[in-house]
Amino acid sequence: MRRVHGGVLRVAVAHARDAAPAECCGLLLGMDDTIVEAVPARNIADRPTRFEIDPKDHLDARRTARSRGLDVVGFYHSHPHSAASPSATDLAEAYYPDLVHLIVSLVTDPPDTRLFRPVGLTGQAGARNFVEEPFVTVRE
């Protein structure tokens, strides 16, 4: 079972609330099955109902992770007006088979946070499906 530090969820939820009604996005840093940090990124998508991580922010987060002995283990984004379930767009644009996706839904209070792993990636086509991954929240 994956472990997620409580600060990761606090950062992702705060970012989602600040960005609403648009979607927010960021990267998840950690090691193995533990996610220790959420790194907010700029959303450069041309619509508020999509997300696209700024390439500079993506590269900066990877450098930061490497310098601290961590890996980029996933991404997060928000669904301000829908459930914390992957959309068809999320599925089509999931290109990293080993990285998880944390989705924050603001439809409920408190916000719902769920973690997913893409499966069935085939080249440029994105994932065929997502599998929900259970996680436990741990103290930093």
Protein backbone atom coordinates (compact mmCIF):
# COMPACT_ATOMS: atom_id res chain seq x y z
CA MET A 1 0.00 0.00 0.00
CA ARG A 2 1.28 3.44 -0.91
CA ARG A 3 2.05 5.93 1.86
CA VAL A 4 1.28 9.62 1.37
CA HIS A 5 2.61 12.24 3.77
CA GLY A 6 -0.17 14.45 5.11
CA GLY A 7 1.52 17.58 3.80
CA VAL A 8 1.13 16.29 0.25
CA LEU A 9 -2.64 16.29 0.58
CA ARG A 10 -2.68 19.69 2.32
CA VAL A 11 -0.62 21.27 -0.48
CA ALA A 12 -2.66 19.67 -3.29
CA VAL A 13 -6.01 20.63 -1.70
CA ALA A 14 -4.86 24.20 -0.99
CA HIS A 15 -3.61 24.52 -4.58
CA ALA A 16 -6.93 23.18 -5.91
CA ARG A 17 -8.90 25.69 -3.84
CA ASP A 18 -6.66 28.59 -4.90
CA ALA A 19 -6.94 27.70 -8.59
CA ALA A 20 -10.71 27.09 -8.62
CA PRO A 21 -12.75 27.32 -10.74
CA ALA A 22 -9.85 26.26 -13.02
CA GLU A 23 -7.96 23.00 -12.61
CA CYS A 24 -4.60 23.03 -10.87
CA CYS A 25 -1.67 20.67 -11.39
CA GLY A 26 1.64 19.65 -9.91
CA LEU A 27 4.15 16.89 -9.39
CA LEU A 28 4.53 14.32 -6.62
CA LEU A 29 7.97 13.55 -5.21
CA GLY A 30 8.99 10.51 -3.22
CA MET A 31 10.70 7.16 -3.19
CA ASP A 32 9.34 3.71 -3.89
CA ASP A 33 5.81 3.55 -2.43
CA THR A 34 6.04 6.76 -0.39
CA ILE A 35 4.97 10.20 -1.61
CA VAL A 36 6.64 12.89 0.49
CA GLU A 37 5.99 16.16 -1.32
CA ALA A 38 3.57 17.88 -3.70
CA VAL A 39 5.18 20.51 -5.92
CA PRO A 40 2.67 22.97 -7.41
CA ALA A 41 3.14 23.80 -11.08
CA ARG A 42 1.65 26.39 -13.38
CA ASN A 43 -1.26 25.19 -15.47
CA ILE A 44 -0.69 26.42 -19.02
CA ALA A 45 -3.78 24.79 -20.54
CA ASP A 46 -5.91 26.99 -22.73
CA ARG A 47 -9.15 26.04 -20.92
CA PRO A 48 -10.03 26.01 -17.21
CA THR A 49 -11.36 22.44 -17.49
CA ARG A 50 -7.97 21.01 -18.51
CA PHE A 51 -4.50 20.94 -17.10
CA GLU A 52 -1.09 21.03 -18.70
CA ILE A 53 1.98 21.27 -16.50
CA ASP A 54 4.35 24.06 -17.49
CA PRO A 55 7.43 22.30 -18.97
CA LYS A 56 9.82 24.54 -17.02
CA ASP A 57 8.07 23.69 -13.75
CA HIS A 58 8.20 19.99 -14.70
CA LEU A 59 11.96 20.11 -15.33
CA ASP A 60 12.61 22.21 -12.20
CA ALA A 61 10.70 19.69 -10.06
CA ARG A 62 12.71 16.81 -11.55
CA ARG A 63 15.98 18.64 -10.78
CA THR A 64 14.84 19.42 -7.25
CA ALA A 65 13.84 15.80 -6.68
CA ARG A 66 17.15 14.49 -7.97
CA SER A 67 19.17 16.93 -5.84
CA ARG A 68 17.34 15.67 -2.74
CA GLY A 69 17.64 11.97 -3.57
CA LEU A 70 13.96 11.71 -4.52
CA ASP A 71 12.09 10.78 -7.70
CA VAL A 72 9.08 12.22 -9.45
CA VAL A 73 6.59 9.48 -8.59
CA GLY A 74 3.47 11.07 -9.99
CA PHE A 75 1.31 14.05 -10.74
CA TYR A 76 -1.69 15.68 -9.15
CA HIS A 77 -4.49 17.78 -10.52
CA SER A 78 -7.90 18.96 -9.48
CA HIS A 79 -11.46 18.42 -10.61
CA PRO A 80 -13.20 21.54 -9.27
CA HIS A 81 -16.64 20.53 -10.58
CA SER A 82 -16.52 16.73 -10.81
CA ALA A 83 -15.63 13.62 -8.86
CA ALA A 84 -12.08 12.51 -8.08
CA SER A 85 -12.17 9.98 -10.92
CA PRO A 86 -10.07 10.10 -14.09
CA SER A 87 -11.77 11.74 -17.04
CA ALA A 88 -11.50 10.55 -20.63
CA THR A 89 -8.95 13.33 -21.19
CA ASP A 90 -6.94 12.21 -18.15
CA LEU A 91 -6.89 8.71 -19.61
CA ALA A 92 -5.90 9.83 -23.10
CA GLU A 93 -3.06 11.99 -21.78
CA ALA A 94 -1.54 9.54 -19.27
CA TYR A 95 1.85 8.75 -20.80
CA TYR A 96 3.97 7.70 -17.82
CA PRO A 97 3.30 4.05 -16.91
CA ASP A 98 5.17 4.11 -13.60
CA LEU A 99 3.74 7.37 -12.25
CA VAL A 100 0.58 7.73 -10.19
CA HIS A 101 -2.08 10.41 -10.46
CA LEU A 102 -3.61 12.06 -7.42
CA ILE A 103 -6.95 13.70 -8.20
CA VAL A 104 -8.49 16.28 -5.86
CA SER A 105 -12.25 16.84 -6.18
CA LEU A 106 -13.71 20.02 -4.73
CA VAL A 107 -17.30 18.79 -5.17
CA THR A 108 -17.39 17.52 -1.59
CA ASP A 109 -16.36 19.12 1.68
CA PRO A 110 -13.85 18.05 2.74
CA PRO A 111 -12.37 17.55 -0.73
CA ASP A 112 -12.06 13.98 -1.96
CA THR A 113 -8.54 12.82 -2.85
CA ARG A 114 -7.97 9.58 -4.74
CA LEU A 115 -4.88 8.00 -6.25
CA PHE A 116 -4.74 6.17 -9.59
CA ARG A 117 -2.19 4.27 -11.67
CA PRO A 118 -2.45 4.10 -15.47
CA VAL A 119 -2.51 0.65 -17.06
CA GLY A 120 -2.29 -0.57 -20.63
CA LEU A 121 -0.13 2.22 -22.02
CA THR A 122 0.55 1.77 -25.70
CA GLY A 123 3.01 4.24 -27.17
CA GLN A 124 1.46 7.61 -27.93
CA ALA A 125 -2.11 6.51 -27.25
CA GLY A 126 -2.18 7.14 -23.49
CA ALA A 127 -3.53 4.69 -20.94
CA ARG A 128 -6.30 2.18 -21.57
CA ASN A 129 -7.53 2.49 -18.02
CA PHE A 130 -6.70 3.64 -14.52
CA VAL A 131 -6.64 1.44 -11.44
CA GLU A 132 -7.33 3.07 -8.11
CA GLU A 133 -4.52 2.61 -5.61
CA PRO A 134 -5.34 2.59 -1.93
CA PHE A 135 -3.10 4.73 0.24
CA VAL A 136 -2.59 5.63 3.86
CA THR A 137 -1.85 9.12 5.06
CA VAL A 138 1.19 9.30 7.32
CA ARG A 139 2.85 12.04 9.33
CA GLU A 140 5.88 13.73 7.85
